[in-house]
Amino acid sequence: MVLRKYDHVWFSCRAIAESVKTESWRFMIKVEPYDVSDSEVKNNFIMRLQEILHRQPSIIARLTSDLQGGDQISEHMKQMRNKSLEKRRDYYIKNRIHDQNIWYAANASWNQKKESFWLFISWMLQIAAIIIAIIIIAFTDLNIIPIGIITTAGAGAMSWMHSKSYRELSQSYGLTAHDLSLLEARANQVTTEGELLELVLDVERTISREHTMWLARRLGPHAI
């Protein structure tokens, strides 16, 4: 029986979703390569989606049923790209930069708490093993010696903490949240299409940087 790597499937699908989100935002905010006429922009968007899907050929079959029929460009996306510079900018700040800033900050905090929790558990188990060892020395006639079990449990807690990369994720998410906070402050000063283009590229690059590192951690460099 072939063991399916469902975690790899999930992360690959997540990679596709993140890339499609980036393209959708660039389409709505009307920045390159979508700062062209309406007659060209749809083809550009569809071609870009095809490129993203073909990066993960093993996943396409799993997504086929969800891709059949319907327009890949929603009416909301079409309406948003036709709004004024100020409205596109404000919409992007609220629903992309601020939203992602909150997400990364919350997940940085969550991972930090998880790291502290498992570190605490590991230390408590090791301290318990030391205390039991002292008791055994004092009372040599004890029949049950659970030191091995407790020590193993402590090592298991530490291994779990490292396997989940809580510290690494906390630092990575925290850095991304910090960068997005600075970009959000800068976004409020945007007054021209050129400045908006630079802002969107910098924001998507920041999110993509963290996402690329995350993908490499989970699937290896070959997945990028």
N, C-alpha and C. Protein backbone atom coordinates (compact mmCIF):
# COMPACT_ATOMS: atom_id res chain seq x y z
N MET A 1 0.84 -1.20 0.00
CA MET A 1 0.00 0.00 0.00
C MET A 1 0.88 1.25 0.00
N VAL A 2 0.60 2.14 -0.94
CA VAL A 2 1.38 3.37 -1.04
C VAL A 2 0.88 4.38 -0.02
N LEU A 3 1.81 4.89 0.77
CA LEU A 3 1.45 5.88 1.78
C LEU A 3 1.41 7.27 1.12
N ARG A 4 0.27 7.86 1.12
CA ARG A 4 0.13 9.18 0.50
C ARG A 4 0.62 10.26 1.47
N LYS A 5 1.36 11.17 0.93
CA LYS A 5 1.88 12.25 1.75
C LYS A 5 0.88 13.40 1.76
N TYR A 6 -0.12 13.25 2.61
CA TYR A 6 -1.18 14.25 2.64
C TYR A 6 -0.68 15.61 3.09
N ASP A 7 0.36 15.62 3.94
CA ASP A 7 0.88 16.90 4.37
C ASP A 7 1.50 17.65 3.19
N HIS A 8 2.19 16.92 2.29
CA HIS A 8 2.76 17.55 1.10
C HIS A 8 1.67 18.06 0.18
N VAL A 9 0.60 17.31 0.06
CA VAL A 9 -0.53 17.74 -0.77
C VAL A 9 -1.12 19.03 -0.22
N TRP A 10 -1.30 19.08 1.10
CA TRP A 10 -1.88 20.26 1.73
C TRP A 10 -0.99 21.48 1.51
N PHE A 11 0.31 21.34 1.73
CA PHE A 11 1.22 22.46 1.59
C PHE A 11 1.33 22.91 0.14
N SER A 12 1.28 21.97 -0.79
CA SER A 12 1.32 22.33 -2.21
C SER A 12 0.07 23.11 -2.60
N CYS A 13 -1.07 22.66 -2.12
CA CYS A 13 -2.32 23.38 -2.39
C CYS A 13 -2.30 24.77 -1.77
N ARG A 14 -1.71 24.84 -0.58
CA ARG A 14 -1.60 26.13 0.10
C ARG A 14 -0.69 27.08 -0.69
N ALA A 15 0.37 26.53 -1.27
CA ALA A 15 1.28 27.33 -2.09
C ALA A 15 0.54 27.92 -3.29
N ILE A 16 -0.27 27.09 -3.92
CA ILE A 16 -1.07 27.56 -5.06
C ILE A 16 -2.03 28.65 -4.63
N ALA A 17 -2.70 28.43 -3.50
CA ALA A 17 -3.67 29.41 -3.00
C ALA A 17 -3.02 30.76 -2.73
N GLU A 18 -1.84 30.74 -2.11
CA GLU A 18 -1.15 31.99 -1.79
C GLU A 18 -0.73 32.72 -3.07
N SER A 19 -0.27 31.98 -4.05
CA SER A 19 0.14 32.60 -5.31
C SER A 19 -1.05 33.20 -6.05
N VAL A 20 -2.18 32.50 -6.02
CA VAL A 20 -3.39 33.01 -6.67
C VAL A 20 -3.89 34.26 -5.96
N LYS A 21 -3.79 34.28 -4.64
CA LYS A 21 -4.19 35.48 -3.88
C LYS A 21 -3.35 36.68 -4.28
N THR A 22 -2.06 36.47 -4.42
CA THR A 22 -1.18 37.57 -4.82
C THR A 22 -1.57 38.12 -6.19
N GLU A 23 -1.81 37.22 -7.13
CA GLU A 23 -2.20 37.66 -8.48
C GLU A 23 -3.54 38.37 -8.46
N SER A 24 -4.47 37.88 -7.64
CA SER A 24 -5.80 38.50 -7.56
C SER A 24 -5.71 39.92 -7.02
N TRP A 25 -4.87 40.11 -6.01
CA TRP A 25 -4.71 41.46 -5.46
C TRP A 25 -4.05 42.39 -6.48
N ARG A 26 -3.07 41.91 -7.17
CA ARG A 26 -2.41 42.75 -8.18
C ARG A 26 -3.39 43.11 -9.29
N PHE A 27 -4.28 42.18 -9.62
CA PHE A 27 -5.30 42.44 -10.62
C PHE A 27 -6.26 43.54 -10.14
N MET A 28 -6.75 43.40 -8.91
CA MET A 28 -7.73 44.36 -8.39
C MET A 28 -7.15 45.75 -8.19
N ILE A 29 -5.90 45.82 -7.74
CA ILE A 29 -5.30 47.12 -7.48
C ILE A 29 -4.74 47.74 -8.76
N LYS A 30 -4.75 46.95 -9.83
CA LYS A 30 -4.40 47.44 -11.17
C LYS A 30 -2.91 47.80 -11.29
N VAL A 31 -2.07 46.88 -10.83
CA VAL A 31 -0.64 47.08 -10.98
C VAL A 31 -0.09 46.02 -11.93
N GLU A 32 1.12 46.25 -12.42
CA GLU A 32 1.68 45.34 -13.43
C GLU A 32 1.66 43.89 -12.97
N PRO A 33 1.37 42.97 -13.86
CA PRO A 33 1.16 43.13 -15.31
C PRO A 33 -0.30 43.39 -15.68
N TYR A 34 -1.06 43.93 -14.74
CA TYR A 34 -2.49 44.12 -14.97
C TYR A 34 -2.87 45.59 -15.14
N ASP A 35 -1.88 46.43 -15.39
CA ASP A 35 -2.15 47.84 -15.66
C ASP A 35 -2.29 48.07 -17.16
N VAL A 36 -3.11 47.23 -17.77
CA VAL A 36 -3.33 47.30 -19.22
C VAL A 36 -4.82 47.41 -19.50
N SER A 37 -5.18 47.45 -20.75
CA SER A 37 -6.59 47.60 -21.13
C SER A 37 -7.40 46.37 -20.73
N ASP A 38 -8.70 46.56 -20.59
CA ASP A 38 -9.59 45.47 -20.19
C ASP A 38 -9.55 44.30 -21.18
N SER A 39 -9.27 44.60 -22.43
CA SER A 39 -9.24 43.54 -23.44
C SER A 39 -8.02 42.63 -23.28
N GLU A 40 -6.96 43.15 -22.65
CA GLU A 40 -5.75 42.36 -22.45
C GLU A 40 -5.65 41.75 -21.06
N VAL A 41 -6.22 42.42 -20.08
CA VAL A 41 -5.97 42.06 -18.68
C VAL A 41 -6.48 40.67 -18.33
N LYS A 42 -7.63 40.27 -18.90
CA LYS A 42 -8.18 38.95 -18.58
C LYS A 42 -7.25 37.85 -19.06
N ASN A 43 -6.73 37.98 -20.28
CA ASN A 43 -5.80 36.97 -20.79
C ASN A 43 -4.54 36.89 -19.95
N ASN A 44 -4.03 38.05 -19.51
CA ASN A 44 -2.84 38.08 -18.66
C ASN A 44 -3.08 37.31 -17.36
N PHE A 45 -4.26 37.52 -16.78
CA PHE A 45 -4.59 36.89 -15.50
C PHE A 45 -4.73 35.38 -15.66
N ILE A 46 -5.46 34.94 -16.69
CA ILE A 46 -5.66 33.51 -16.92
C ILE A 46 -4.35 32.81 -17.22
N MET A 47 -3.50 33.44 -18.00
CA MET A 47 -2.20 32.85 -18.32
C MET A 47 -1.35 32.71 -17.06
N ARG A 48 -1.44 33.71 -16.20
CA ARG A 48 -0.67 33.66 -14.96
C ARG A 48 -1.18 32.53 -14.06
N LEU A 49 -2.49 32.33 -14.01
CA LEU A 49 -3.05 31.24 -13.21
C LEU A 49 -2.59 29.89 -13.75
N GLN A 50 -2.53 29.76 -15.06
CA GLN A 50 -2.07 28.52 -15.66
C GLN A 50 -0.62 28.24 -15.29
N GLU A 51 0.21 29.28 -15.28
CA GLU A 51 1.61 29.11 -14.89
C GLU A 51 1.72 28.62 -13.45
N ILE A 52 0.91 29.19 -12.57
CA ILE A 52 0.94 28.82 -11.15
C ILE A 52 0.54 27.36 -10.98
N LEU A 53 -0.51 26.94 -11.66
CA LEU A 53 -0.98 25.56 -11.55
C LEU A 53 0.05 24.57 -12.08
N HIS A 54 0.70 24.91 -13.16
CA HIS A 54 1.65 23.97 -13.77
C HIS A 54 2.96 23.88 -13.01
N ARG A 55 3.15 24.73 -12.01
CA ARG A 55 4.31 24.57 -11.13
C ARG A 55 4.15 23.34 -10.24
N GLN A 56 2.90 22.97 -10.00
CA GLN A 56 2.60 21.82 -9.14
C GLN A 56 1.78 20.81 -9.93
N PRO A 57 2.36 20.17 -10.93
CA PRO A 57 1.60 19.26 -11.81
C PRO A 57 0.94 18.10 -11.06
N SER A 58 1.54 17.64 -9.96
CA SER A 58 0.97 16.52 -9.22
C SER A 58 -0.30 16.90 -8.49
N ILE A 59 -0.54 18.20 -8.34
CA ILE A 59 -1.69 18.67 -7.57
C ILE A 59 -2.87 19.02 -8.47
N ILE A 60 -2.59 19.26 -9.76
CA ILE A 60 -3.64 19.72 -10.67
C ILE A 60 -4.84 18.77 -10.67
N ALA A 61 -4.59 17.45 -10.70
CA ALA A 61 -5.68 16.47 -10.74
C ALA A 61 -6.59 16.60 -9.52
N ARG A 62 -6.02 16.95 -8.39
CA ARG A 62 -6.81 17.08 -7.17
C ARG A 62 -7.67 18.34 -7.18
N LEU A 63 -7.30 19.31 -8.00
CA LEU A 63 -8.03 20.58 -8.05
C LEU A 63 -8.98 20.67 -9.23
N THR A 64 -8.92 19.69 -10.12
CA THR A 64 -9.69 19.76 -11.37
C THR A 64 -11.18 19.98 -11.13
N SER A 65 -11.76 19.25 -10.17
CA SER A 65 -13.20 19.35 -9.93
C SER A 65 -13.59 20.74 -9.44
N ASP A 66 -12.65 21.45 -8.80
CA ASP A 66 -12.95 22.78 -8.28
C ASP A 66 -12.71 23.87 -9.33
N LEU A 67 -12.08 23.51 -10.43
CA LEU A 67 -11.73 24.51 -11.44
C LEU A 67 -12.66 24.47 -12.65
N GLN A 68 -13.59 23.55 -12.67
CA GLN A 68 -14.46 23.41 -13.83
C GLN A 68 -15.55 24.48 -13.83
N GLY A 69 -15.66 25.15 -14.97
CA GLY A 69 -16.74 26.11 -15.14
C GLY A 69 -16.53 27.38 -14.36
N GLY A 70 -17.32 28.40 -14.72
CA GLY A 70 -17.29 29.66 -13.99
C GLY A 70 -16.15 30.56 -14.46
N ASP A 71 -16.35 31.84 -14.22
CA ASP A 71 -15.36 32.84 -14.59
C ASP A 71 -14.33 32.95 -13.47
N GLN A 72 -13.06 32.92 -13.82
CA GLN A 72 -12.00 33.00 -12.81
C GLN A 72 -11.85 34.42 -12.25
N ILE A 73 -12.48 35.38 -12.92
CA ILE A 73 -12.42 36.78 -12.46
C ILE A 73 -13.82 37.18 -12.01
N SER A 74 -13.97 37.44 -10.73
CA SER A 74 -15.29 37.79 -10.19
C SER A 74 -15.67 39.23 -10.54
N GLU A 75 -16.96 39.52 -10.41
CA GLU A 75 -17.45 40.88 -10.67
C GLU A 75 -16.83 41.87 -9.69
N HIS A 76 -16.65 41.43 -8.46
CA HIS A 76 -16.04 42.31 -7.45
C HIS A 76 -14.62 42.71 -7.86
N MET A 77 -13.86 41.76 -8.39
CA MET A 77 -12.50 42.06 -8.85
C MET A 77 -12.52 43.07 -9.98
N LYS A 78 -13.46 42.90 -10.90
CA LYS A 78 -13.57 43.82 -12.04
C LYS A 78 -13.97 45.21 -11.58
N GLN A 79 -14.90 45.27 -10.64
CA GLN A 79 -15.37 46.56 -10.14
C GLN A 79 -14.27 47.29 -9.37
N MET A 80 -13.53 46.54 -8.55
CA MET A 80 -12.51 47.16 -7.71
C MET A 80 -11.41 47.79 -8.55
N ARG A 81 -10.98 47.14 -9.63
CA ARG A 81 -9.88 47.68 -10.41
C ARG A 81 -10.28 48.95 -11.17
N ASN A 82 -11.56 49.19 -11.28
CA ASN A 82 -12.04 50.39 -11.98
C ASN A 82 -12.31 51.56 -11.04
N LYS A 83 -12.08 51.37 -9.75
CA LYS A 83 -12.29 52.45 -8.79
C LYS A 83 -11.12 53.42 -8.79
N SER A 84 -11.28 54.52 -8.08
CA SER A 84 -10.24 55.55 -8.05
C SER A 84 -9.00 55.06 -7.31
N LEU A 85 -7.91 55.77 -7.48
CA LEU A 85 -6.66 55.44 -6.81
C LEU A 85 -6.84 55.37 -5.30
N GLU A 86 -7.52 56.37 -4.73
CA GLU A 86 -7.70 56.42 -3.28
C GLU A 86 -8.49 55.22 -2.76
N LYS A 87 -9.54 54.84 -3.47
CA LYS A 87 -10.36 53.72 -3.02
C LYS A 87 -9.61 52.39 -3.15
N ARG A 88 -8.85 52.23 -4.22
CA ARG A 88 -8.05 51.01 -4.37
C ARG A 88 -6.98 50.93 -3.30
N ARG A 89 -6.34 52.07 -3.04
CA ARG A 89 -5.32 52.11 -2.00
C ARG A 89 -5.90 51.77 -0.64
N ASP A 90 -7.00 52.41 -0.27
CA ASP A 90 -7.61 52.17 1.04
C ASP A 90 -8.10 50.74 1.19
N TYR A 91 -8.65 50.20 0.11
CA TYR A 91 -9.13 48.81 0.14
C TYR A 91 -7.95 47.85 0.34
N TYR A 92 -6.86 48.13 -0.33
CA TYR A 92 -5.67 47.28 -0.21
C TYR A 92 -5.08 47.37 1.19
N ILE A 93 -5.04 48.56 1.74
CA ILE A 93 -4.51 48.74 3.10
C ILE A 93 -5.32 47.93 4.11
N LYS A 94 -6.63 48.07 4.03
CA LYS A 94 -7.51 47.43 5.01
C LYS A 94 -7.58 45.92 4.85
N ASN A 95 -7.77 45.47 3.63
CA ASN A 95 -8.07 44.05 3.41
C ASN A 95 -6.87 43.18 3.04
N ARG A 96 -5.75 43.80 2.80
CA ARG A 96 -4.55 43.02 2.50
C ARG A 96 -3.45 43.29 3.54
N ILE A 97 -2.97 44.53 3.60
CA ILE A 97 -1.84 44.81 4.49
C ILE A 97 -2.23 44.63 5.95
N HIS A 98 -3.31 45.32 6.37
CA HIS A 98 -3.72 45.25 7.77
C HIS A 98 -4.17 43.84 8.15
N ASP A 99 -4.91 43.21 7.27
CA ASP A 99 -5.39 41.85 7.53
C ASP A 99 -4.23 40.88 7.72
N GLN A 100 -3.23 40.95 6.84
CA GLN A 100 -2.08 40.06 6.94
C GLN A 100 -1.20 40.40 8.13
N ASN A 101 -1.12 41.69 8.44
CA ASN A 101 -0.36 42.12 9.60
C ASN A 101 -0.92 41.49 10.88
N ILE A 102 -2.23 41.54 11.02
CA ILE A 102 -2.90 40.95 12.18
C ILE A 102 -2.66 39.43 12.22
N TRP A 103 -2.77 38.78 11.06
CA TRP A 103 -2.60 37.33 11.01
C TRP A 103 -1.19 36.92 11.43
N TYR A 104 -0.19 37.58 10.87
CA TYR A 104 1.19 37.23 11.20
C TYR A 104 1.53 37.54 12.65
N ALA A 105 1.04 38.67 13.15
CA ALA A 105 1.31 39.03 14.55
C ALA A 105 0.66 38.03 15.50
N ALA A 106 -0.58 37.63 15.19
CA ALA A 106 -1.29 36.67 16.04
C ALA A 106 -0.60 35.31 16.02
N ASN A 107 -0.15 34.89 14.86
CA ASN A 107 0.52 33.59 14.77
C ASN A 107 1.92 33.61 15.36
N ALA A 108 2.58 34.75 15.32
CA ALA A 108 3.88 34.88 15.99
C ALA A 108 3.68 34.70 17.49
N SER A 109 2.66 35.34 18.04
CA SER A 109 2.36 35.24 19.47
C SER A 109 1.96 33.81 19.84
N TRP A 110 1.14 33.18 19.01
CA TRP A 110 0.68 31.81 19.27
C TRP A 110 1.84 30.83 19.31
N ASN A 111 2.74 30.94 18.34
CA ASN A 111 3.90 30.04 18.30
C ASN A 111 4.85 30.29 19.47
N GLN A 112 4.96 31.53 19.88
CA GLN A 112 5.80 31.84 21.03
C GLN A 112 5.24 31.21 22.29
N LYS A 113 3.92 31.29 22.45
CA LYS A 113 3.27 30.68 23.61
C LYS A 113 3.42 29.15 23.60
N LYS A 114 3.29 28.56 22.42
CA LYS A 114 3.44 27.11 22.31
C LYS A 114 4.87 26.68 22.65
N GLU A 115 5.83 27.46 22.19
CA GLU A 115 7.22 27.14 22.51
C GLU A 115 7.44 27.19 24.03
N SER A 116 6.92 28.25 24.67
CA SER A 116 7.07 28.40 26.12
C SER A 116 6.39 27.26 26.86
N PHE A 117 5.21 26.86 26.38
CA PHE A 117 4.46 25.79 27.03
C PHE A 117 5.23 24.48 27.01
N TRP A 118 5.71 24.08 25.82
CA TRP A 118 6.41 22.80 25.72
C TRP A 118 7.77 22.83 26.39
N LEU A 119 8.40 24.00 26.39
CA LEU A 119 9.67 24.13 27.11
C LEU A 119 9.44 23.96 28.61
N PHE A 120 8.34 24.55 29.09
CA PHE A 120 7.98 24.42 30.51
C PHE A 120 7.71 22.96 30.87
N ILE A 121 6.95 22.27 30.01
CA ILE A 121 6.63 20.86 30.25
C ILE A 121 7.91 20.03 30.29
N SER A 122 8.81 20.27 29.35
CA SER A 122 10.06 19.52 29.30
C SER A 122 10.88 19.73 30.56
N TRP A 123 11.01 20.98 30.99
CA TRP A 123 11.79 21.28 32.20
C TRP A 123 11.14 20.67 33.43
N MET A 124 9.82 20.73 33.52
CA MET A 124 9.12 20.17 34.68
C MET A 124 9.34 18.65 34.77
N LEU A 125 9.31 17.99 33.62
CA LEU A 125 9.53 16.54 33.62
C LEU A 125 10.97 16.20 34.01
N GLN A 126 11.92 17.00 33.55
CA GLN A 126 13.31 16.75 33.93
C GLN A 126 13.54 17.00 35.42
N ILE A 127 12.92 18.05 35.93
CA ILE A 127 13.03 18.33 37.37
C ILE A 127 12.39 17.20 38.18
N ALA A 128 11.24 16.70 37.67
CA ALA A 128 10.57 15.59 38.35
C ALA A 128 11.47 14.36 38.37
N ALA A 129 12.19 14.11 37.26
CA ALA A 129 13.11 12.96 37.20
C ALA A 129 14.23 13.11 38.22
N ILE A 130 14.74 14.33 38.38
CA ILE A 130 15.80 14.56 39.36
C ILE A 130 15.29 14.33 40.78
N ILE A 131 14.10 14.85 41.05
CA ILE A 131 13.52 14.68 42.40
C ILE A 131 13.31 13.20 42.71
N ILE A 132 12.78 12.46 41.73
CA ILE A 132 12.55 11.03 41.93
C ILE A 132 13.87 10.29 42.13
N ALA A 133 14.91 10.71 41.40
CA ALA A 133 16.22 10.09 41.56
C ALA A 133 16.73 10.28 42.98
N ILE A 134 16.53 11.47 43.52
CA ILE A 134 16.96 11.75 44.90
C ILE A 134 16.17 10.88 45.89
N ILE A 135 14.88 10.75 45.63
CA ILE A 135 14.04 9.93 46.52
C ILE A 135 14.49 8.47 46.46
N ILE A 136 14.84 8.00 45.27
CA ILE A 136 15.29 6.60 45.12
C ILE A 136 16.57 6.37 45.90
N ILE A 137 17.46 7.37 45.85
CA ILE A 137 18.72 7.25 46.60
C ILE A 137 18.45 7.14 48.10
N ALA A 138 17.44 7.93 48.54
CA ALA A 138 17.11 7.94 49.97
C ALA A 138 16.34 6.69 50.37
N PHE A 139 15.53 6.18 49.45
CA PHE A 139 14.71 4.99 49.77
C PHE A 139 15.00 3.93 48.72
N THR A 140 16.05 3.20 48.94
CA THR A 140 16.50 2.22 47.95
C THR A 140 15.59 1.01 47.78
N ASP A 141 14.63 0.88 48.66
CA ASP A 141 13.75 -0.29 48.59
C ASP A 141 12.53 -0.07 47.71
N LEU A 142 12.47 1.04 46.95
CA LEU A 142 11.32 1.30 46.08
C LEU A 142 11.29 0.28 44.95
N ASN A 143 10.10 -0.22 44.68
CA ASN A 143 9.93 -1.23 43.63
C ASN A 143 9.72 -0.62 42.25
N ILE A 144 9.14 0.59 42.24
CA ILE A 144 8.83 1.24 40.96
C ILE A 144 9.82 2.39 40.75
N ILE A 145 10.50 2.37 39.61
CA ILE A 145 11.47 3.43 39.28
C ILE A 145 11.07 4.03 37.93
N PRO A 146 10.29 5.11 37.97
CA PRO A 146 9.75 5.68 36.72
C PRO A 146 10.65 6.72 36.07
N ILE A 147 11.93 6.79 36.46
CA ILE A 147 12.80 7.83 35.93
C ILE A 147 12.91 7.75 34.41
N GLY A 148 13.08 6.53 33.90
CA GLY A 148 13.22 6.35 32.45
C GLY A 148 12.02 6.87 31.69
N ILE A 149 10.83 6.59 32.22
CA ILE A 149 9.60 7.02 31.55
C ILE A 149 9.51 8.55 31.55
N ILE A 150 9.80 9.16 32.69
CA ILE A 150 9.69 10.61 32.81
C ILE A 150 10.74 11.30 31.94
N THR A 151 11.96 10.76 31.95
CA THR A 151 13.03 11.33 31.13
C THR A 151 12.68 11.24 29.64
N THR A 152 12.12 10.11 29.25
CA THR A 152 11.71 9.93 27.86
C THR A 152 10.61 10.90 27.48
N ALA A 153 9.66 11.09 28.41
CA ALA A 153 8.57 12.03 28.17
C ALA A 153 9.11 13.45 28.01
N GLY A 154 10.09 13.81 28.84
CA GLY A 154 10.69 15.13 28.73
C GLY A 154 11.40 15.33 27.41
N ALA A 155 12.14 14.31 26.98
CA ALA A 155 12.83 14.38 25.69
C ALA A 155 11.82 14.45 24.55
N GLY A 156 10.70 13.72 24.73
CA GLY A 156 9.64 13.74 23.71
C GLY A 156 9.02 15.12 23.58
N ALA A 157 8.81 15.80 24.71
CA ALA A 157 8.24 17.15 24.70
C ALA A 157 9.18 18.11 23.97
N MET A 158 10.48 17.97 24.24
CA MET A 158 11.46 18.83 23.59
C MET A 158 11.53 18.55 22.09
N SER A 159 11.47 17.28 21.72
CA SER A 159 11.50 16.90 20.30
C SER A 159 10.27 17.44 19.58
N TRP A 160 9.12 17.34 20.24
CA TRP A 160 7.88 17.86 19.65
C TRP A 160 7.99 19.36 19.39
N MET A 161 8.53 20.09 20.36
CA MET A 161 8.69 21.54 20.23
C MET A 161 9.57 21.88 19.04
N HIS A 162 10.68 21.14 18.87
CA HIS A 162 11.58 21.41 17.76
C HIS A 162 10.97 20.99 16.42
N SER A 163 10.25 19.87 16.43
CA SER A 163 9.66 19.39 15.18
C SER A 163 8.60 20.35 14.64
N LYS A 164 7.91 21.05 15.52
CA LYS A 164 6.88 22.01 15.11
C LYS A 164 7.46 23.38 14.79
N SER A 165 8.77 23.56 15.05
CA SER A 165 9.48 24.80 14.69
C SER A 165 8.81 26.04 15.30
N TYR A 166 8.35 25.93 16.54
CA TYR A 166 7.65 27.05 17.16
C TYR A 166 8.51 28.32 17.23
N ARG A 167 9.77 28.16 17.63
CA ARG A 167 10.63 29.35 17.75
C ARG A 167 10.91 29.96 16.38
N GLU A 168 11.22 29.12 15.43
CA GLU A 168 11.52 29.59 14.08
C GLU A 168 10.32 30.30 13.47
N LEU A 169 9.14 29.71 13.64
CA LEU A 169 7.93 30.32 13.09
C LEU A 169 7.59 31.63 13.80
N SER A 170 7.77 31.66 15.11
CA SER A 170 7.50 32.88 15.87
C SER A 170 8.37 34.02 15.39
N GLN A 171 9.65 33.75 15.17
CA GLN A 171 10.57 34.79 14.71
C GLN A 171 10.25 35.22 13.29
N SER A 172 9.96 34.24 12.43
CA SER A 172 9.67 34.53 11.03
C SER A 172 8.38 35.33 10.90
N TYR A 173 7.33 34.89 11.59
CA TYR A 173 6.05 35.61 11.54
C TYR A 173 6.17 37.00 12.16
N GLY A 174 6.94 37.08 13.26
CA GLY A 174 7.12 38.37 13.92
C GLY A 174 7.81 39.38 13.02
N LEU A 175 8.84 38.92 12.29
CA LEU A 175 9.55 39.79 11.36
C LEU A 175 8.63 40.26 10.24
N THR A 176 7.84 39.35 9.71
CA THR A 176 6.90 39.71 8.63
C THR A 176 5.87 40.71 9.13
N ALA A 177 5.34 40.50 10.35
CA ALA A 177 4.36 41.43 10.92
C ALA A 177 4.98 42.81 11.10
N HIS A 178 6.22 42.86 11.54
CA HIS A 178 6.92 44.14 11.71
C HIS A 178 7.06 44.86 10.37
N ASP A 179 7.50 44.12 9.35
CA ASP A 179 7.67 44.72 8.03
C ASP A 179 6.34 45.22 7.46
N LEU A 180 5.28 44.46 7.68
CA LEU A 180 3.96 44.87 7.19
C LEU A 180 3.46 46.12 7.92
N SER A 181 3.80 46.24 9.20
CA SER A 181 3.42 47.44 9.96
C SER A 181 4.06 48.68 9.36
N LEU A 182 5.34 48.57 8.99
CA LEU A 182 6.04 49.68 8.37
C LEU A 182 5.45 50.01 7.00
N LEU A 183 5.10 48.97 6.26
CA LEU A 183 4.51 49.17 4.94
C LEU A 183 3.11 49.79 5.05
N GLU A 184 2.37 49.43 6.10
CA GLU A 184 1.04 50.01 6.30
C GLU A 184 1.16 51.51 6.58
N ALA A 185 2.15 51.89 7.38
CA ALA A 185 2.36 53.31 7.66
C ALA A 185 2.74 54.06 6.38
N ARG A 186 3.55 53.43 5.57
CA ARG A 186 3.96 54.04 4.29
C ARG A 186 2.79 54.12 3.32
N ALA A 187 1.90 53.14 3.37
CA ALA A 187 0.77 53.07 2.43
C ALA A 187 -0.14 54.29 2.55
N ASN A 188 -0.28 54.82 3.75
CA ASN A 188 -1.15 55.96 3.96
C ASN A 188 -0.65 57.22 3.27
N GLN A 189 0.62 57.20 2.84
CA GLN A 189 1.21 58.37 2.17
C GLN A 189 1.17 58.25 0.65
N VAL A 190 0.66 57.13 0.15
CA VAL A 190 0.62 56.90 -1.30
C VAL A 190 -0.37 57.84 -1.98
N THR A 191 0.09 58.54 -3.00
CA THR A 191 -0.79 59.50 -3.70
C THR A 191 -0.76 59.35 -5.22
N THR A 192 0.13 58.51 -5.73
CA THR A 192 0.22 58.35 -7.18
C THR A 192 0.17 56.86 -7.56
N GLU A 193 -0.12 56.60 -8.82
CA GLU A 193 -0.16 55.22 -9.30
C GLU A 193 1.20 54.55 -9.19
N GLY A 194 2.27 55.32 -9.44
CA GLY A 194 3.61 54.77 -9.33
C GLY A 194 3.94 54.35 -7.91
N GLU A 195 3.55 55.16 -6.93
CA GLU A 195 3.78 54.83 -5.52
C GLU A 195 2.96 53.62 -5.11
N LEU A 196 1.74 53.54 -5.65
CA LEU A 196 0.88 52.40 -5.34
C LEU A 196 1.49 51.11 -5.91
N LEU A 197 2.02 51.18 -7.10
CA LEU A 197 2.67 50.03 -7.72
C LEU A 197 3.84 49.55 -6.85
N GLU A 198 4.70 50.47 -6.42
CA GLU A 198 5.85 50.10 -5.60
C GLU A 198 5.40 49.50 -4.26
N LEU A 199 4.35 50.06 -3.70
CA LEU A 199 3.83 49.56 -2.43
C LEU A 199 3.34 48.12 -2.57
N VAL A 200 2.52 47.87 -3.57
CA VAL A 200 1.97 46.52 -3.76
C VAL A 200 3.08 45.51 -4.01
N LEU A 201 4.05 45.88 -4.81
CA LEU A 201 5.17 44.97 -5.08
C LEU A 201 5.94 44.66 -3.80
N ASP A 202 6.16 45.68 -2.97
CA ASP A 202 6.89 45.48 -1.71
C ASP A 202 6.10 44.62 -0.73
N VAL A 203 4.80 44.85 -0.64
CA VAL A 203 3.96 44.07 0.27
C VAL A 203 3.91 42.61 -0.16
N GLU A 204 3.65 42.38 -1.44
CA GLU A 204 3.55 41.00 -1.93
C GLU A 204 4.90 40.30 -1.85
N ARG A 205 5.97 41.06 -2.04
CA ARG A 205 7.31 40.48 -1.90
C ARG A 205 7.58 40.07 -0.45
N THR A 206 7.13 40.89 0.48
CA THR A 206 7.30 40.57 1.91
C THR A 206 6.54 39.32 2.29
N ILE A 207 5.31 39.22 1.85
CA ILE A 207 4.49 38.04 2.14
C ILE A 207 5.06 36.81 1.43
N SER A 208 5.49 37.00 0.20
CA SER A 208 6.05 35.89 -0.58
C SER A 208 7.35 35.38 0.04
N ARG A 209 8.15 36.29 0.60
CA ARG A 209 9.41 35.89 1.23
C ARG A 209 9.17 34.92 2.37
N GLU A 210 8.23 35.25 3.25
CA GLU A 210 7.92 34.36 4.37
C GLU A 210 7.31 33.07 3.86
N HIS A 211 6.44 33.19 2.86
CA HIS A 211 5.77 32.01 2.31
C HIS A 211 6.77 31.07 1.66
N THR A 212 7.76 31.63 0.93
CA THR A 212 8.77 30.81 0.27
C THR A 212 9.61 30.06 1.30
N MET A 213 10.00 30.75 2.38
CA MET A 213 10.77 30.10 3.45
C MET A 213 9.97 28.99 4.09
N TRP A 214 8.68 29.24 4.31
CA TRP A 214 7.79 28.26 4.93
C TRP A 214 7.64 27.03 4.04
N LEU A 215 7.52 27.26 2.72
CA LEU A 215 7.37 26.15 1.79
C LEU A 215 8.63 25.31 1.74
N ALA A 216 9.79 25.97 1.76
CA ALA A 216 11.06 25.25 1.73
C ALA A 216 11.25 24.41 3.00
N ARG A 217 10.79 24.93 4.14
CA ARG A 217 10.91 24.18 5.39
C ARG A 217 10.09 22.91 5.34
N ARG A 218 8.91 23.00 4.74
CA ARG A 218 7.99 21.86 4.75
C ARG A 218 8.24 20.86 3.64
N LEU A 219 8.51 21.36 2.44
CA LEU A 219 8.63 20.45 1.30
C LEU A 219 10.04 20.33 0.75
N GLY A 220 10.94 21.20 1.22
CA GLY A 220 12.30 21.16 0.72
C GLY A 220 12.51 22.16 -0.39
N PRO A 221 13.75 22.53 -0.68
CA PRO A 221 14.06 23.54 -1.71
C PRO A 221 13.52 23.19 -3.09
N HIS A 222 13.37 21.90 -3.39
CA HIS A 222 12.90 21.49 -4.72
C HIS A 222 11.47 21.94 -5.00
N ALA A 223 10.72 22.28 -3.93
CA ALA A 223 9.31 22.64 -4.10
C ALA A 223 9.13 24.07 -4.52
N ILE A 224 10.19 24.89 -4.41
CA ILE A 224 10.06 26.31 -4.70
C ILE A 224 10.15 26.57 -6.19
